[in-house]
């Protein structure tokens, strides 16, 4: 087992609400002071699909996979998914480092030997 990549979130300094997107104002209390926190990229695979007709900026990559993950901190996020034979919904997943040209979302794979 290896150390998961960390995933960045924004946290309101007023009410403590967490936001996954890059925002300037808290959606809960409208406070404008947001701090950054990082959480381990560990969770459970909820769903995944294959994008066969990618947007133009990913056209060179061809088809790719996207997964929905319930992180251990309670957040549900979407990111790239690297499936392998035998992976199932509900499996534990871990965020991994990838070398995509434009990394804008976390990349997950099933955590083996858990």
N, C-alpha and C. Protein backbone atom coordinates (compact mmCIF):
# COMPACT_ATOMS: atom_id res chain seq x y z
N UNK A 1 0.85 -1.18 0.00
CA UNK A 1 0.00 0.00 0.00
C UNK A 1 0.89 1.24 0.00
N UNK A 2 0.46 2.28 -0.70
CA UNK A 2 1.26 3.49 -0.77
C UNK A 2 0.45 4.68 -0.29
N UNK A 3 1.13 5.78 -0.11
CA UNK A 3 0.51 7.00 0.39
C UNK A 3 -0.35 7.63 -0.71
N UNK A 4 -1.62 7.97 -0.39
CA UNK A 4 -2.49 8.57 -1.41
C UNK A 4 -2.09 10.01 -1.71
N UNK A 5 -2.41 10.45 -2.90
CA UNK A 5 -2.25 11.87 -3.24
C UNK A 5 -3.25 12.67 -2.40
N UNK A 6 -2.89 13.89 -2.08
CA UNK A 6 -3.78 14.77 -1.33
C UNK A 6 -4.68 15.52 -2.31
N UNK A 7 -5.92 15.80 -1.87
CA UNK A 7 -6.89 16.52 -2.69
C UNK A 7 -7.20 17.83 -2.00
N UNK A 8 -7.17 18.91 -2.75
CA UNK A 8 -7.39 20.25 -2.19
C UNK A 8 -8.88 20.61 -2.16
N UNK A 9 -9.28 21.23 -1.06
CA UNK A 9 -10.63 21.78 -0.89
C UNK A 9 -10.49 23.19 -0.36
N UNK A 10 -11.54 23.97 -0.49
CA UNK A 10 -11.59 25.29 0.11
C UNK A 10 -12.49 25.22 1.34
N UNK A 11 -12.06 25.83 2.44
CA UNK A 11 -12.83 25.82 3.68
C UNK A 11 -13.10 27.25 4.13
N UNK A 12 -14.35 27.52 4.44
CA UNK A 12 -14.74 28.85 4.91
C UNK A 12 -14.13 29.09 6.28
N UNK A 13 -13.47 30.24 6.45
CA UNK A 13 -12.86 30.56 7.75
C UNK A 13 -13.91 31.03 8.75
N UNK A 14 -15.13 31.30 8.28
CA UNK A 14 -16.20 31.75 9.17
C UNK A 14 -17.03 30.58 9.71
N UNK A 15 -17.56 29.73 8.81
CA UNK A 15 -18.46 28.66 9.26
C UNK A 15 -17.85 27.26 9.14
N UNK A 16 -16.71 27.13 8.45
CA UNK A 16 -16.04 25.84 8.33
C UNK A 16 -16.52 24.96 7.19
N UNK A 17 -17.48 25.45 6.39
CA UNK A 17 -18.01 24.65 5.28
C UNK A 17 -16.90 24.35 4.27
N UNK A 18 -16.95 23.14 3.70
CA UNK A 18 -15.98 22.72 2.68
C UNK A 18 -16.58 22.85 1.30
N UNK A 19 -15.78 23.31 0.35
CA UNK A 19 -16.19 23.43 -1.04
C UNK A 19 -15.12 22.78 -1.91
N UNK A 20 -15.54 21.97 -2.88
CA UNK A 20 -14.58 21.30 -3.75
C UNK A 20 -14.09 22.21 -4.86
N UNK A 21 -14.92 23.11 -5.33
CA UNK A 21 -14.54 23.97 -6.44
C UNK A 21 -13.69 25.15 -6.00
N UNK A 22 -13.12 25.81 -6.97
CA UNK A 22 -12.32 27.01 -6.71
C UNK A 22 -13.27 28.20 -6.61
N UNK A 23 -13.56 28.63 -5.40
CA UNK A 23 -14.54 29.70 -5.20
C UNK A 23 -13.97 30.77 -4.29
N UNK A 24 -14.57 31.95 -4.36
CA UNK A 24 -14.15 33.07 -3.53
C UNK A 24 -15.10 33.34 -2.38
N UNK A 25 -16.34 32.82 -2.46
CA UNK A 25 -17.36 33.09 -1.46
C UNK A 25 -17.99 31.79 -1.00
N UNK A 26 -18.20 31.67 0.31
CA UNK A 26 -18.82 30.47 0.89
C UNK A 26 -20.28 30.38 0.47
N UNK A 27 -20.69 29.23 -0.03
CA UNK A 27 -22.08 29.02 -0.43
C UNK A 27 -23.01 28.91 0.78
N UNK A 28 -22.47 28.59 1.95
CA UNK A 28 -23.29 28.42 3.15
C UNK A 28 -23.59 29.73 3.86
N UNK A 29 -22.55 30.57 4.05
CA UNK A 29 -22.74 31.80 4.84
C UNK A 29 -22.38 33.07 4.08
N UNK A 30 -21.95 32.95 2.83
CA UNK A 30 -21.57 34.07 1.96
C UNK A 30 -20.35 34.85 2.44
N UNK A 31 -19.60 34.28 3.37
CA UNK A 31 -18.35 34.90 3.83
C UNK A 31 -17.34 34.83 2.69
N UNK A 32 -16.48 35.83 2.57
CA UNK A 32 -15.56 35.87 1.42
C UNK A 32 -14.13 35.47 1.75
N UNK A 33 -13.90 34.89 2.90
CA UNK A 33 -12.54 34.46 3.25
C UNK A 33 -12.48 32.93 3.25
N UNK A 34 -11.90 32.37 2.19
CA UNK A 34 -11.81 30.92 2.06
C UNK A 34 -10.36 30.49 2.18
N UNK A 35 -10.10 29.51 3.05
CA UNK A 35 -8.77 28.95 3.19
C UNK A 35 -8.68 27.65 2.42
N UNK A 36 -7.47 27.15 2.22
CA UNK A 36 -7.26 25.89 1.51
C UNK A 36 -6.87 24.81 2.50
N UNK A 37 -7.46 23.62 2.34
CA UNK A 37 -7.06 22.46 3.12
C UNK A 37 -6.82 21.31 2.15
N UNK A 38 -6.10 20.31 2.62
CA UNK A 38 -5.88 19.11 1.81
C UNK A 38 -6.29 17.90 2.62
N UNK A 39 -6.95 16.96 1.95
CA UNK A 39 -7.38 15.72 2.59
C UNK A 39 -6.82 14.54 1.80
N UNK A 40 -6.58 13.42 2.46
CA UNK A 40 -6.09 12.23 1.75
C UNK A 40 -7.12 11.76 0.71
N UNK A 41 -6.65 11.37 -0.45
CA UNK A 41 -7.51 10.88 -1.51
C UNK A 41 -7.86 9.41 -1.32
N UNK A 42 -8.61 9.12 -0.28
CA UNK A 42 -9.06 7.75 0.02
C UNK A 42 -10.58 7.73 0.11
N UNK A 43 -11.20 6.69 -0.45
CA UNK A 43 -12.65 6.61 -0.38
C UNK A 43 -13.18 5.34 -0.99
N UNK A 44 -14.46 5.42 -1.40
CA UNK A 44 -15.17 4.26 -1.94
C UNK A 44 -15.72 4.61 -3.32
N UNK A 45 -15.54 3.70 -4.28
CA UNK A 45 -16.04 3.90 -5.63
C UNK A 45 -17.56 3.73 -5.65
N UNK A 46 -18.26 4.78 -6.08
CA UNK A 46 -19.72 4.76 -6.11
C UNK A 46 -20.23 4.42 -7.51
N UNK A 47 -19.56 4.96 -8.52
CA UNK A 47 -19.98 4.74 -9.90
C UNK A 47 -18.82 5.07 -10.83
N UNK A 48 -18.86 4.56 -12.05
CA UNK A 48 -17.88 4.96 -13.06
C UNK A 48 -18.42 4.69 -14.45
N UNK A 49 -17.87 5.42 -15.41
CA UNK A 49 -18.31 5.29 -16.79
C UNK A 49 -17.13 5.58 -17.72
N UNK A 50 -17.30 5.25 -18.97
CA UNK A 50 -16.29 5.53 -19.98
C UNK A 50 -16.76 6.67 -20.87
N UNK A 51 -15.92 7.68 -21.03
CA UNK A 51 -16.20 8.79 -21.95
C UNK A 51 -15.58 8.41 -23.29
N UNK A 52 -16.42 8.07 -24.25
CA UNK A 52 -15.92 7.61 -25.54
C UNK A 52 -15.75 8.74 -26.56
N UNK A 53 -16.45 9.84 -26.38
CA UNK A 53 -16.31 11.01 -27.26
C UNK A 53 -15.88 12.17 -26.38
N UNK A 54 -14.58 12.29 -26.14
CA UNK A 54 -14.09 13.30 -25.20
C UNK A 54 -14.24 14.73 -25.74
N UNK A 55 -14.26 15.71 -24.83
CA UNK A 55 -14.24 17.11 -25.26
C UNK A 55 -12.98 17.38 -26.08
N UNK A 56 -13.00 18.45 -26.85
CA UNK A 56 -11.89 18.76 -27.75
C UNK A 56 -10.54 18.81 -27.05
N UNK A 57 -10.49 19.36 -25.83
CA UNK A 57 -9.19 19.48 -25.17
C UNK A 57 -8.59 18.13 -24.77
N UNK A 58 -9.43 17.07 -24.72
CA UNK A 58 -8.94 15.73 -24.39
C UNK A 58 -8.97 14.81 -25.61
N UNK A 59 -9.23 15.34 -26.78
CA UNK A 59 -9.39 14.53 -27.99
C UNK A 59 -8.19 13.64 -28.26
N UNK A 60 -6.99 14.13 -28.02
CA UNK A 60 -5.77 13.36 -28.28
C UNK A 60 -5.66 12.13 -27.38
N UNK A 61 -6.31 12.16 -26.21
CA UNK A 61 -6.25 11.03 -25.28
C UNK A 61 -7.17 9.89 -25.71
N UNK A 62 -8.19 10.18 -26.49
CA UNK A 62 -9.18 9.18 -26.84
C UNK A 62 -10.11 8.91 -25.66
N UNK A 63 -10.70 7.72 -25.64
CA UNK A 63 -11.63 7.37 -24.57
C UNK A 63 -10.92 7.34 -23.21
N UNK A 64 -11.63 7.75 -22.17
CA UNK A 64 -11.09 7.70 -20.81
C UNK A 64 -12.21 7.40 -19.83
N UNK A 65 -11.87 7.10 -18.59
CA UNK A 65 -12.84 6.70 -17.58
C UNK A 65 -12.97 7.78 -16.51
N UNK A 66 -14.20 7.95 -16.02
CA UNK A 66 -14.50 8.91 -14.96
C UNK A 66 -15.23 8.16 -13.85
N UNK A 67 -14.84 8.41 -12.60
CA UNK A 67 -15.47 7.76 -11.47
C UNK A 67 -16.05 8.76 -10.48
N UNK A 68 -17.05 8.31 -9.74
CA UNK A 68 -17.61 9.07 -8.63
C UNK A 68 -17.15 8.38 -7.35
N UNK A 69 -16.56 9.17 -6.43
CA UNK A 69 -15.94 8.62 -5.23
C UNK A 69 -16.50 9.31 -3.99
N UNK A 70 -16.89 8.52 -3.00
CA UNK A 70 -17.23 9.06 -1.68
C UNK A 70 -15.95 9.03 -0.86
N UNK A 71 -15.36 10.21 -0.63
CA UNK A 71 -14.13 10.29 0.16
C UNK A 71 -14.41 9.99 1.63
N UNK A 72 -13.38 9.59 2.34
CA UNK A 72 -13.52 9.27 3.76
C UNK A 72 -13.91 10.49 4.59
N UNK A 73 -13.68 11.71 4.07
CA UNK A 73 -14.05 12.91 4.83
C UNK A 73 -15.51 13.29 4.61
N UNK A 74 -16.26 12.48 3.82
CA UNK A 74 -17.68 12.73 3.61
C UNK A 74 -18.02 13.41 2.30
N UNK A 75 -17.04 13.89 1.57
CA UNK A 75 -17.28 14.56 0.30
C UNK A 75 -17.47 13.54 -0.81
N UNK A 76 -18.35 13.82 -1.76
CA UNK A 76 -18.49 13.02 -2.97
C UNK A 76 -17.91 13.84 -4.11
N UNK A 77 -16.92 13.28 -4.80
CA UNK A 77 -16.28 14.01 -5.90
C UNK A 77 -16.19 13.13 -7.15
N UNK A 78 -15.96 13.79 -8.26
CA UNK A 78 -15.77 13.13 -9.54
C UNK A 78 -14.32 13.30 -9.97
N UNK A 79 -13.75 12.27 -10.55
CA UNK A 79 -12.38 12.36 -11.03
C UNK A 79 -12.11 11.27 -12.06
N UNK A 80 -10.94 11.31 -12.63
CA UNK A 80 -10.54 10.24 -13.55
C UNK A 80 -10.46 8.93 -12.77
N UNK A 81 -10.73 7.82 -13.46
CA UNK A 81 -10.67 6.50 -12.84
C UNK A 81 -9.87 5.58 -13.74
N UNK A 82 -8.96 4.81 -13.14
CA UNK A 82 -8.12 3.86 -13.87
C UNK A 82 -8.59 2.44 -13.53
N UNK A 83 -9.57 1.91 -14.27
CA UNK A 83 -10.13 0.60 -13.93
C UNK A 83 -9.20 -0.55 -14.31
N UNK A 84 -9.34 -1.63 -13.55
CA UNK A 84 -8.65 -2.88 -13.85
C UNK A 84 -9.67 -4.00 -13.80
N UNK A 85 -9.34 -5.13 -14.40
CA UNK A 85 -10.24 -6.29 -14.40
C UNK A 85 -10.60 -6.66 -12.97
N UNK A 86 -11.88 -6.85 -12.70
CA UNK A 86 -12.32 -7.29 -11.38
C UNK A 86 -12.70 -6.17 -10.44
N UNK A 87 -12.50 -4.91 -10.81
CA UNK A 87 -12.91 -3.80 -9.96
C UNK A 87 -14.43 -3.78 -9.85
N UNK A 88 -14.93 -3.46 -8.66
CA UNK A 88 -16.37 -3.44 -8.43
C UNK A 88 -16.78 -2.17 -7.70
N UNK A 89 -18.04 -1.77 -7.90
CA UNK A 89 -18.56 -0.65 -7.13
C UNK A 89 -18.48 -0.99 -5.65
N UNK A 90 -18.15 -0.02 -4.84
CA UNK A 90 -17.98 -0.25 -3.41
C UNK A 90 -16.55 -0.53 -3.01
N UNK A 91 -15.67 -0.81 -4.00
CA UNK A 91 -14.25 -1.04 -3.69
C UNK A 91 -13.61 0.23 -3.13
N UNK A 92 -12.61 0.04 -2.28
CA UNK A 92 -11.82 1.16 -1.77
C UNK A 92 -10.94 1.69 -2.90
N UNK A 93 -10.88 3.01 -3.02
CA UNK A 93 -10.04 3.63 -4.05
C UNK A 93 -9.07 4.61 -3.41
N UNK A 94 -8.01 4.90 -4.15
CA UNK A 94 -6.97 5.80 -3.68
C UNK A 94 -6.60 6.75 -4.83
N UNK A 95 -6.37 8.02 -4.50
CA UNK A 95 -5.91 8.98 -5.50
C UNK A 95 -4.45 8.71 -5.81
N UNK A 96 -4.12 8.71 -7.09
CA UNK A 96 -2.76 8.41 -7.53
C UNK A 96 -2.23 9.55 -8.40
N UNK A 97 -0.92 9.65 -8.47
CA UNK A 97 -0.29 10.65 -9.34
C UNK A 97 -0.32 10.15 -10.78
N UNK A 98 -0.75 11.01 -11.67
CA UNK A 98 -0.76 10.67 -13.10
C UNK A 98 -0.05 11.78 -13.86
N UNK A 99 0.26 11.50 -15.09
CA UNK A 99 0.98 12.47 -15.91
C UNK A 99 0.12 12.90 -17.09
N UNK A 100 -1.04 13.49 -16.78
CA UNK A 100 -1.90 14.03 -17.82
C UNK A 100 -1.42 15.43 -18.17
N UNK A 101 -1.59 15.81 -19.39
CA UNK A 101 -1.13 17.13 -19.83
C UNK A 101 -1.79 18.25 -19.04
N UNK A 102 -3.09 18.14 -18.81
CA UNK A 102 -3.82 19.19 -18.11
C UNK A 102 -4.56 18.57 -16.93
N UNK A 103 -3.88 18.31 -15.84
CA UNK A 103 -4.50 17.67 -14.68
C UNK A 103 -5.39 18.68 -13.96
N UNK A 104 -6.71 18.49 -14.06
CA UNK A 104 -7.63 19.38 -13.38
C UNK A 104 -8.49 18.65 -12.36
N UNK A 105 -8.49 17.33 -12.40
CA UNK A 105 -9.25 16.55 -11.44
C UNK A 105 -8.37 15.44 -10.88
N UNK A 106 -8.72 14.92 -9.70
CA UNK A 106 -7.94 13.81 -9.15
C UNK A 106 -8.12 12.56 -10.01
N UNK A 107 -7.17 11.65 -9.93
CA UNK A 107 -7.25 10.37 -10.61
C UNK A 107 -7.23 9.27 -9.56
N UNK A 108 -8.17 8.31 -9.67
CA UNK A 108 -8.31 7.25 -8.68
C UNK A 108 -8.10 5.88 -9.31
N UNK A 109 -7.69 4.93 -8.47
CA UNK A 109 -7.67 3.52 -8.86
C UNK A 109 -8.04 2.71 -7.62
N UNK A 110 -8.48 1.47 -7.85
CA UNK A 110 -8.85 0.61 -6.73
C UNK A 110 -7.61 0.31 -5.91
N UNK A 111 -7.77 0.38 -4.60
CA UNK A 111 -6.67 0.12 -3.66
C UNK A 111 -6.62 -1.38 -3.40
N UNK A 112 -5.60 -2.02 -3.87
CA UNK A 112 -5.45 -3.47 -3.71
C UNK A 112 -4.90 -3.81 -2.33
N UNK A 113 -5.19 -5.02 -1.86
CA UNK A 113 -4.70 -5.54 -0.58
C UNK A 113 -5.10 -4.67 0.61
N UNK A 114 -6.39 -4.32 0.66
CA UNK A 114 -6.87 -3.49 1.78
C UNK A 114 -7.35 -4.39 2.88
